Amino acid sequence: MNKSIVHTDHSALTYLFAKKDAKARLLRWVLLLQEFDFKVLDTKGAENLAADHLSRLENPHENVLDPKEINEKFPLETLSMVTFRGDHCT
């Protein structure tokens, strides 16, 4: 498999892999991510042209639906319903 390169301005991600005494919760993430072959490069926001471009793309679905219309059609009575499935052999 080819090695992937991740360009990010999220310095905590770089810090995560460099830290040796991380908490158990963070170590689980490190172990999970070690299954993939990638390299993290710290690229500042203005220099990260791909991410900058993606953040400026227009959303073709923006303003397609009226939020008020969605809320009025949502069956509010279902919000208070609770169903339980479990073992009944106690």
PDB file of N, CA and C in Angstrom:
ATOM      1  N   MET A   1       0.853  -1.179   0.000  1.00  0.00           N
ATOM      2  CA  MET A   1       0.000   0.000   0.000  1.00  0.00           C
ATOM      3  C   MET A   1       0.900   1.244   0.000  1.00  0.00           C
ATOM      4  N   ASN A   2       0.497   2.267  -0.703  1.00  0.00           N
ATOM      5  CA  ASN A   2       1.265   3.504  -0.759  1.00  0.00           C
ATOM      6  C   ASN A   2       1.063   4.327   0.495  1.00  0.00           C
ATOM      7  N   LYS A   3       2.084   5.067   0.845  1.00  0.00           N
ATOM      8  CA  LYS A   3       2.001   5.943   2.006  1.00  0.00           C
ATOM      9  C   LYS A   3       1.233   7.205   1.617  1.00  0.00           C
ATOM     10  N   SER A   4       0.294   7.588   2.451  1.00  0.00           N
ATOM     11  CA  SER A   4      -0.471   8.815   2.229  1.00  0.00           C
ATOM     12  C   SER A   4       0.163   9.943   3.020  1.00  0.00           C
ATOM     13  N   ILE A   5      -0.027  11.147   2.543  1.00  0.00           N
ATOM     14  CA  ILE A   5       0.483  12.332   3.234  1.00  0.00           C
ATOM     15  C   ILE A   5      -0.704  13.190   3.623  1.00  0.00           C
ATOM     16  N   VAL A   6      -0.789  13.519   4.894  1.00  0.00           N
ATOM     17  CA  VAL A   6      -1.867  14.356   5.413  1.00  0.00           C
ATOM     18  C   VAL A   6      -1.291  15.738   5.691  1.00  0.00           C
ATOM     19  N   HIS A   7      -1.792  16.745   4.975  1.00  0.00           N
ATOM     20  CA  HIS A   7      -1.400  18.132   5.220  1.00  0.00           C
ATOM     21  C   HIS A   7      -2.453  18.734   6.135  1.00  0.00           C
ATOM     22  N   THR A   8      -2.049  19.195   7.302  1.00  0.00           N
ATOM     23  CA  THR A   8      -3.014  19.738   8.253  1.00  0.00           C
ATOM     24  C   THR A   8      -2.423  20.908   9.020  1.00  0.00           C
ATOM     25  N   ASP A   9      -3.298  21.805   9.440  1.00  0.00           N
ATOM     26  CA  ASP A   9      -2.859  22.880  10.328  1.00  0.00           C
ATOM     27  C   ASP A   9      -3.306  22.567  11.756  1.00  0.00           C
ATOM     28  N   HIS A  10      -3.728  21.339  11.966  1.00  0.00           N
ATOM     29  CA  HIS A  10      -4.183  20.879  13.277  1.00  0.00           C
ATOM     30  C   HIS A  10      -2.961  20.334  14.022  1.00  0.00           C
ATOM     31  N   SER A  11      -2.238  21.220  14.699  1.00  0.00           N
ATOM     32  CA  SER A  11      -0.970  20.843  15.324  1.00  0.00           C
ATOM     33  C   SER A  11      -1.141  19.792  16.410  1.00  0.00           C
ATOM     34  N   ALA A  12      -2.334  19.663  16.971  1.00  0.00           N
ATOM     35  CA  ALA A  12      -2.560  18.649  18.002  1.00  0.00           C
ATOM     36  C   ALA A  12      -2.373  17.246  17.432  1.00  0.00           C
ATOM     37  N   LEU A  13      -2.655  17.058  16.163  1.00  0.00           N
ATOM     38  CA  LEU A  13      -2.475  15.755  15.534  1.00  0.00           C
ATOM     39  C   LEU A  13      -0.994  15.391  15.486  1.00  0.00           C
ATOM     40  N   THR A  14      -0.161  16.347  15.137  1.00  0.00           N
ATOM     41  CA  THR A  14       1.277  16.124  15.132  1.00  0.00           C
ATOM     42  C   THR A  14       1.767  15.857  16.548  1.00  0.00           C
ATOM     43  N   TYR A  15       1.256  16.609  17.494  1.00  0.00           N
ATOM     44  CA  TYR A  15       1.625  16.465  18.905  1.00  0.00           C
ATOM     45  C   TYR A  15       1.236  15.084  19.425  1.00  0.00           C
ATOM     46  N   LEU A  16       0.105  14.580  18.995  1.00  0.00           N
ATOM     47  CA  LEU A  16      -0.400  13.288  19.456  1.00  0.00           C
ATOM     48  C   LEU A  16       0.590  12.167  19.157  1.00  0.00           C
ATOM     49  N   PHE A  17       1.183  12.189  17.973  1.00  0.00           N
ATOM     50  CA  PHE A  17       2.114  11.129  17.603  1.00  0.00           C
ATOM     51  C   PHE A  17       3.480  11.301  18.252  1.00  0.00           C
ATOM     52  N   ALA A  18       3.823  12.509  18.645  1.00  0.00           N
ATOM     53  CA  ALA A  18       5.120  12.757  19.269  1.00  0.00           C
ATOM     54  C   ALA A  18       5.091  12.499  20.774  1.00  0.00           C
ATOM     55  N   LYS A  19       3.923  12.588  21.381  1.00  0.00           N
ATOM     56  CA  LYS A  19       3.790  12.452  22.836  1.00  0.00           C
ATOM     57  C   LYS A  19       3.945  10.989  23.237  1.00  0.00           C
ATOM     58  N   LYS A  20       4.788  10.730  24.222  1.00  0.00           N
ATOM     59  CA  LYS A  20       5.046   9.358  24.660  1.00  0.00           C
ATOM     60  C   LYS A  20       4.249   8.977  25.901  1.00  0.00           C
ATOM     61  N   ASP A  21       3.792   9.942  26.676  1.00  0.00           N
ATOM     62  CA  ASP A  21       3.087   9.645  27.931  1.00  0.00           C
ATOM     63  C   ASP A  21       1.636  10.117  27.872  1.00  0.00           C
ATOM     64  N   ALA A  22       0.962   9.778  26.790  1.00  0.00           N
ATOM     65  CA  ALA A  22      -0.423  10.220  26.597  1.00  0.00           C
ATOM     66  C   ALA A  22      -1.376   9.404  27.471  1.00  0.00           C
ATOM     67  N   LYS A  23      -2.533   9.944  27.678  1.00  0.00           N
ATOM     68  CA  LYS A  23      -3.587   9.257  28.427  1.00  0.00           C
ATOM     69  C   LYS A  23      -4.091   8.060  27.607  1.00  0.00           C
ATOM     70  N   ALA A  24      -4.751   7.127  28.298  1.00  0.00           N
ATOM     71  CA  ALA A  24      -5.223   5.897  27.649  1.00  0.00           C
ATOM     72  C   ALA A  24      -6.159   6.188  26.486  1.00  0.00           C
ATOM     73  N   ARG A  25      -7.030   7.180  26.651  1.00  0.00           N
ATOM     74  CA  ARG A  25      -7.984   7.506  25.585  1.00  0.00           C
ATOM     75  C   ARG A  25      -7.258   7.956  24.324  1.00  0.00           C
ATOM     76  N   LEU A  26      -6.200   8.761  24.476  1.00  0.00           N
ATOM     77  CA  LEU A  26      -5.434   9.220  23.315  1.00  0.00           C
ATOM     78  C   LEU A  26      -4.607   8.086  22.726  1.00  0.00           C
ATOM     79  N   LEU A  27      -4.094   7.221  23.589  1.00  0.00           N
ATOM     80  CA  LEU A  27      -3.309   6.089  23.092  1.00  0.00           C
ATOM     81  C   LEU A  27      -4.153   5.156  22.232  1.00  0.00           C
ATOM     82  N   ARG A  28      -5.426   5.021  22.557  1.00  0.00           N
ATOM     83  CA  ARG A  28      -6.311   4.194  21.721  1.00  0.00           C
ATOM     84  C   ARG A  28      -6.404   4.767  20.313  1.00  0.00           C
ATOM     85  N   TRP A  29      -6.473   6.097  20.210  1.00  0.00           N
ATOM     86  CA  TRP A  29      -6.515   6.726  18.889  1.00  0.00           C
ATOM     87  C   TRP A  29      -5.207   6.495  18.145  1.00  0.00           C
ATOM     88  N   VAL A  30      -4.089   6.623  18.859  1.00  0.00           N
ATOM     89  CA  VAL A  30      -2.788   6.409  18.225  1.00  0.00           C
ATOM     90  C   VAL A  30      -2.695   4.979  17.702  1.00  0.00           C
ATOM     91  N   LEU A  31      -3.121   4.015  18.519  1.00  0.00           N
ATOM     92  CA  LEU A  31      -3.086   2.615  18.085  1.00  0.00           C
ATOM     93  C   LEU A  31      -3.962   2.387  16.857  1.00  0.00           C
ATOM     94  N   LEU A  32      -5.125   2.994  16.843  1.00  0.00           N
ATOM     95  CA  LEU A  32      -6.014   2.861  15.689  1.00  0.00           C
ATOM     96  C   LEU A  32      -5.377   3.461  14.437  1.00  0.00           C
ATOM     97  N   LEU A  33      -4.810   4.644  14.573  1.00  0.00           N
ATOM     98  CA  LEU A  33      -4.231   5.330  13.415  1.00  0.00           C
ATOM     99  C   LEU A  33      -2.950   4.666  12.925  1.00  0.00           C
ATOM    100  N   GLN A  34      -2.276   3.910  13.797  1.00  0.00           N
ATOM    101  CA  GLN A  34      -1.050   3.234  13.387  1.00  0.00           C
ATOM    102  C   GLN A  34      -1.314   2.119  12.379  1.00  0.00           C
ATOM    103  N   GLU A  35      -2.563   1.727  12.231  1.00  0.00           N
ATOM    104  CA  GLU A  35      -2.904   0.705  11.243  1.00  0.00           C
ATOM    105  C   GLU A  35      -2.773   1.234   9.816  1.00  0.00           C
ATOM    106  N   PHE A  36      -2.719   2.542   9.667  1.00  0.00           N
ATOM    107  CA  PHE A  36      -2.643   3.165   8.352  1.00  0.00           C
ATOM    108  C   PHE A  36      -1.235   3.684   8.108  1.00  0.00           C
ATOM    109  N   ASP A  37      -0.832   3.672   6.861  1.00  0.00           N
ATOM    110  CA  ASP A  37       0.499   4.132   6.481  1.00  0.00           C
ATOM    111  C   ASP A  37       0.384   5.566   5.971  1.00  0.00           C
ATOM    112  N   PHE A  38       0.597   6.522   6.859  1.00  0.00           N
ATOM    113  CA  PHE A  38       0.505   7.923   6.461  1.00  0.00           C
ATOM    114  C   PHE A  38       1.509   8.757   7.235  1.00  0.00           C
ATOM    115  N   LYS A  39       1.757   9.918   6.681  1.00  0.00           N
ATOM    116  CA  LYS A  39       2.698  10.869   7.271  1.00  0.00           C
ATOM    117  C   LYS A  39       1.947  12.177   7.459  1.00  0.00           C
ATOM    118  N   VAL A  40       2.095  12.799   8.624  1.00  0.00           N
ATOM    119  CA  VAL A  40       1.404  14.051   8.918  1.00  0.00           C
ATOM    120  C   VAL A  40       2.381  15.202   8.731  1.00  0.00           C
ATOM    121  N   LEU A  41       2.016  16.141   7.869  1.00  0.00           N
ATOM    122  CA  LEU A  41       2.820  17.341   7.657  1.00  0.00           C
ATOM    123  C   LEU A  41       2.040  18.547   8.153  1.00  0.00           C
ATOM    124  N   ASP A  42       2.665  19.319   9.021  1.00  0.00           N
ATOM    125  CA  ASP A  42       2.028  20.523   9.552  1.00  0.00           C
ATOM    126  C   ASP A  42       2.132  21.626   8.505  1.00  0.00           C
ATOM    127  N   THR A  43       0.991  22.007   7.947  1.00  0.00           N
ATOM    128  CA  THR A  43       0.934  23.049   6.926  1.00  0.00           C
ATOM    129  C   THR A  43       0.004  24.141   7.429  1.00  0.00           C
ATOM    130  N   LYS A  44       0.513  25.322   7.596  1.00  0.00           N
ATOM    131  CA  LYS A  44      -0.291  26.430   8.115  1.00  0.00           C
ATOM    132  C   LYS A  44      -1.472  26.710   7.187  1.00  0.00           C
ATOM    133  N   GLY A  45      -2.544  27.238   7.764  1.00  0.00           N
ATOM    134  CA  GLY A  45      -3.797  27.445   7.048  1.00  0.00           C
ATOM    135  C   GLY A  45      -3.666  28.137   5.705  1.00  0.00           C
ATOM    136  N   ALA A  46      -2.946  29.253   5.646  1.00  0.00           N
ATOM    137  CA  ALA A  46      -2.828  30.016   4.401  1.00  0.00           C
ATOM    138  C   ALA A  46      -2.026  29.251   3.349  1.00  0.00           C
ATOM    139  N   GLU A  47      -1.135  28.370   3.796  1.00  0.00           N
ATOM    140  CA  GLU A  47      -0.311  27.599   2.867  1.00  0.00           C
ATOM    141  C   GLU A  47      -1.007  26.320   2.402  1.00  0.00           C
ATOM    142  N   ASN A  48      -2.040  25.917   3.097  1.00  0.00           N
ATOM    143  CA  ASN A  48      -2.752  24.685   2.771  1.00  0.00           C
ATOM    144  C   ASN A  48      -3.833  25.007   1.737  1.00  0.00           C
ATOM    145  N   LEU A  49      -3.426  25.095   0.490  1.00  0.00           N
ATOM    146  CA  LEU A  49      -4.307  25.573  -0.573  1.00  0.00           C
ATOM    147  C   LEU A  49      -5.496  24.655  -0.825  1.00  0.00           C
ATOM    148  N   ALA A  50      -5.305  23.352  -0.718  1.00  0.00           N
ATOM    149  CA  ALA A  50      -6.417  22.427  -0.972  1.00  0.00           C
ATOM    150  C   ALA A  50      -7.524  22.624   0.055  1.00  0.00           C
ATOM    151  N   ALA A  51      -7.162  22.681   1.328  1.00  0.00           N
ATOM    152  CA  ALA A  51      -8.169  22.879   2.380  1.00  0.00           C
ATOM    153  C   ALA A  51      -8.808  24.254   2.259  1.00  0.00           C
ATOM    154  N   ASP A  52      -8.006  25.245   1.927  1.00  0.00           N
ATOM    155  CA  ASP A  52      -8.532  26.600   1.767  1.00  0.00           C
ATOM    156  C   ASP A  52      -9.550  26.636   0.635  1.00  0.00           C
ATOM    157  N   HIS A  53      -9.240  25.968  -0.460  1.00  0.00           N
ATOM    158  CA  HIS A  53     -10.158  25.926  -1.603  1.00  0.00           C
ATOM    159  C   HIS A  53     -11.455  25.207  -1.234  1.00  0.00           C
ATOM    160  N   LEU A  54     -11.336  24.057  -0.560  1.00  0.00           N
ATOM    161  CA  LEU A  54     -12.528  23.293  -0.187  1.00  0.00           C
ATOM    162  C   LEU A  54     -13.421  24.072   0.767  1.00  0.00           C
ATOM    163  N   SER A  55     -12.823  24.868   1.642  1.00  0.00           N
ATOM    164  CA  SER A  55     -13.631  25.632   2.595  1.00  0.00           C
ATOM    165  C   SER A  55     -14.359  26.788   1.922  1.00  0.00           C
ATOM    166  N   ARG A  56     -13.953  27.145   0.716  1.00  0.00           N
ATOM    167  CA  ARG A  56     -14.588  28.260   0.012  1.00  0.00           C
ATOM    168  C   ARG A  56     -15.564  27.813  -1.074  1.00  0.00           C
ATOM    169  N   LEU A  57     -15.709  26.513  -1.272  1.00  0.00           N
ATOM    170  CA  LEU A  57     -16.635  26.026  -2.293  1.00  0.00           C
ATOM    171  C   LEU A  57     -18.068  26.381  -1.924  1.00  0.00           C
ATOM    172  N   GLU A  58     -18.846  26.677  -2.936  1.00  0.00           N
ATOM    173  CA  GLU A  58     -20.258  26.956  -2.698  1.00  0.00           C
ATOM    174  C   GLU A  58     -20.990  25.648  -2.468  1.00  0.00           C
ATOM    175  N   ASN A  59     -21.966  25.682  -1.602  1.00  0.00           N
ATOM    176  CA  ASN A  59     -22.793  24.513  -1.332  1.00  0.00           C
ATOM    177  C   ASN A  59     -24.002  24.568  -2.263  1.00  0.00           C
ATOM    178  N   PRO A  60     -24.096  23.638  -3.233  1.00  0.00           N
ATOM    179  CA  PRO A  60     -25.228  23.683  -4.169  1.00  0.00           C
ATOM    180  C   PRO A  60     -26.563  23.369  -3.498  1.00  0.00           C
ATOM    181  N   HIS A  61     -26.533  22.799  -2.307  1.00  0.00           N
ATOM    182  CA  HIS A  61     -27.763  22.438  -1.598  1.00  0.00           C
ATOM    183  C   HIS A  61     -28.174  23.491  -0.573  1.00  0.00           C
ATOM    184  N   GLU A  62     -27.397  24.553  -0.478  1.00  0.00           N
ATOM    185  CA  GLU A  62     -27.714  25.602   0.484  1.00  0.00           C
ATOM    186  C   GLU A  62     -29.020  26.293   0.089  1.00  0.00           C
ATOM    187  N   ASN A  63     -29.864  26.525   1.045  1.00  0.00           N
ATOM    188  CA  ASN A  63     -31.148  27.204   0.859  1.00  0.00           C
ATOM    189  C   ASN A  63     -32.109  26.429  -0.046  1.00  0.00           C
ATOM    190  N   VAL A  64     -31.930  25.121  -0.171  1.00  0.00           N
ATOM    191  CA  VAL A  64     -32.852  24.319  -0.973  1.00  0.00           C
ATOM    192  C   VAL A  64     -34.137  24.085  -0.195  1.00  0.00           C
ATOM    193  N   LEU A  65     -33.999  23.781   1.087  1.00  0.00           N
ATOM    194  CA  LEU A  65     -35.160  23.539   1.932  1.00  0.00           C
ATOM    195  C   LEU A  65     -35.288  24.647   2.968  1.00  0.00           C
ATOM    196  N   ASP A  66     -36.501  24.998   3.254  1.00  0.00           N
ATOM    197  CA  ASP A  66     -36.769  25.994   4.279  1.00  0.00           C
ATOM    198  C   ASP A  66     -36.761  25.297   5.642  1.00  0.00           C
ATOM    199  N   PRO A  67     -35.882  25.705   6.582  1.00  0.00           N
ATOM    200  CA  PRO A  67     -35.832  25.045   7.891  1.00  0.00           C
ATOM    201  C   PRO A  67     -37.179  25.052   8.613  1.00  0.00           C
ATOM    202  N   LYS A  68     -37.959  26.107   8.422  1.00  0.00           N
ATOM    203  CA  LYS A  68     -39.269  26.190   9.058  1.00  0.00           C
ATOM    204  C   LYS A  68     -40.177  25.078   8.526  1.00  0.00           C
ATOM    205  N   GLU A  69     -40.087  24.821   7.236  1.00  0.00           N
ATOM    206  CA  GLU A  69     -40.890  23.774   6.609  1.00  0.00           C
ATOM    207  C   GLU A  69     -40.532  22.404   7.193  1.00  0.00           C
ATOM    208  N   ILE A  70     -39.265  22.150   7.397  1.00  0.00           N
ATOM    209  CA  ILE A  70     -38.821  20.873   7.954  1.00  0.00           C
ATOM    210  C   ILE A  70     -39.356  20.705   9.369  1.00  0.00           C
ATOM    211  N   ASN A  71     -39.248  21.729  10.201  1.00  0.00           N
ATOM    212  CA  ASN A  71     -39.699  21.652  11.588  1.00  0.00           C
ATOM    213  C   ASN A  71     -41.200  21.438  11.695  1.00  0.00           C
ATOM    214  N   GLU A  72     -41.967  22.046  10.827  1.00  0.00           N
ATOM    215  CA  GLU A  72     -43.415  21.910  10.894  1.00  0.00           C
ATOM    216  C   GLU A  72     -43.867  20.511  10.500  1.00  0.00           C
ATOM    217  N   LYS A  73     -43.147  19.856   9.634  1.00  0.00           N
ATOM    218  CA  LYS A  73     -43.539  18.531   9.176  1.00  0.00           C
ATOM    219  C   LYS A  73     -43.003  17.419  10.071  1.00  0.00           C
ATOM    220  N   PHE A  74     -42.109  17.735  10.974  1.00  0.00           N
ATOM    221  CA  PHE A  74     -41.521  16.717  11.843  1.00  0.00           C
ATOM    222  C   PHE A  74     -42.526  16.293  12.897  1.00  0.00           C
ATOM    223  N   PRO A  75     -42.786  15.012  13.046  1.00  0.00           N
ATOM    224  CA  PRO A  75     -43.778  14.556  14.035  1.00  0.00           C
ATOM    225  C   PRO A  75     -43.237  14.682  15.459  1.00  0.00           C
ATOM    226  N   LEU A  76     -43.577  15.757  16.120  1.00  0.00           N
ATOM    227  CA  LEU A  76     -43.061  16.037  17.450  1.00  0.00           C
ATOM    228  C   LEU A  76     -43.483  15.009  18.486  1.00  0.00           C
ATOM    229  N   GLU A  77     -44.624  14.365  18.269  1.00  0.00           N
ATOM    230  CA  GLU A  77     -45.077  13.391  19.263  1.00  0.00           C
ATOM    231  C   GLU A  77     -44.126  12.198  19.373  1.00  0.00           C
ATOM    232  N   THR A  78     -43.342  11.938  18.347  1.00  0.00           N
ATOM    233  CA  THR A  78     -42.409  10.807  18.409  1.00  0.00           C
ATOM    234  C   THR A  78     -41.208  11.105  19.297  1.00  0.00           C
ATOM    235  N   LEU A  79     -40.975  12.357  19.609  1.00  0.00           N
ATOM    236  CA  LEU A  79     -39.844  12.693  20.467  1.00  0.00           C
ATOM    237  C   LEU A  79     -40.007  12.160  21.879  1.00  0.00           C
ATOM    238  N   SER A  80     -41.234  12.056  22.358  1.00  0.00           N
ATOM    239  CA  SER A  80     -41.453  11.603  23.728  1.00  0.00           C
ATOM    240  C   SER A  80     -41.661  10.096  23.833  1.00  0.00           C
ATOM    241  N   MET A  81     -41.644   9.410  22.720  1.00  0.00           N
ATOM    242  CA  MET A  81     -41.825   7.959  22.741  1.00  0.00           C
ATOM    243  C   MET A  81     -40.504   7.275  23.088  1.00  0.00           C
ATOM    244  N   VAL A  82     -40.586   6.271  23.929  1.00  0.00           N
ATOM    245  CA  VAL A  82     -39.400   5.512  24.300  1.00  0.00           C
ATOM    246  C   VAL A  82     -39.703   4.037  24.088  1.00  0.00           C
ATOM    247  N   THR A  83     -38.809   3.357  23.398  1.00  0.00           N
ATOM    248  CA  THR A  83     -38.964   1.918  23.228  1.00  0.00           C
ATOM    249  C   THR A  83     -37.788   1.234  23.890  1.00  0.00           C
ATOM    250  N   PHE A  84     -38.016   0.067  24.443  1.00  0.00           N
ATOM    251  CA  PHE A  84     -36.963  -0.661  25.125  1.00  0.00           C
ATOM    252  C   PHE A  84     -36.973  -2.101  24.645  1.00  0.00           C
ATOM    253  N   ARG A  85     -35.808  -2.567  24.246  1.00  0.00           N
ATOM    254  CA  ARG A  85     -35.649  -3.969  23.875  1.00  0.00           C
ATOM    255  C   ARG A  85     -34.512  -4.515  24.715  1.00  0.00           C
ATOM    256  N   GLY A  86     -34.805  -5.505  25.493  1.00  0.00           N
ATOM    257  CA  GLY A  86     -33.773  -6.088  26.338  1.00  0.00           C
ATOM    258  C   GLY A  86     -34.165  -7.479  26.756  1.00  0.00           C
ATOM    259  N   ASP A  87     -33.341  -8.055  27.583  1.00  0.00           N
ATOM    260  CA  ASP A  87     -33.635  -9.389  28.093  1.00  0.00           C
ATOM    261  C   ASP A  87     -34.763  -9.310  29.103  1.00  0.00           C
ATOM    262  N   HIS A  88     -35.763 -10.145  28.913  1.00  0.00           N
ATOM    263  CA  HIS A  88     -36.892 -10.168  29.838  1.00  0.00           C
ATOM    264  C   HIS A  88     -36.799 -11.355  30.787  1.00  0.00           C
ATOM    265  N   CYS A  89     -35.702 -12.083  30.762  1.00  0.00           N
ATOM    266  CA  CYS A  89     -35.568 -13.276  31.593  1.00  0.00           C
ATOM    267  C   CYS A  89     -34.728 -12.981  32.835  1.00  0.00           C
ATOM    268  N   THR A  90     -35.226 -12.124  33.704  1.00  0.00           N
ATOM    269  CA  THR A  90     -34.507 -11.820  34.942  1.00  0.00           C
ATOM    270  C   THR A  90     -35.178 -12.443  36.131  1.00  0.00           C
TER     271      THR A  90
END
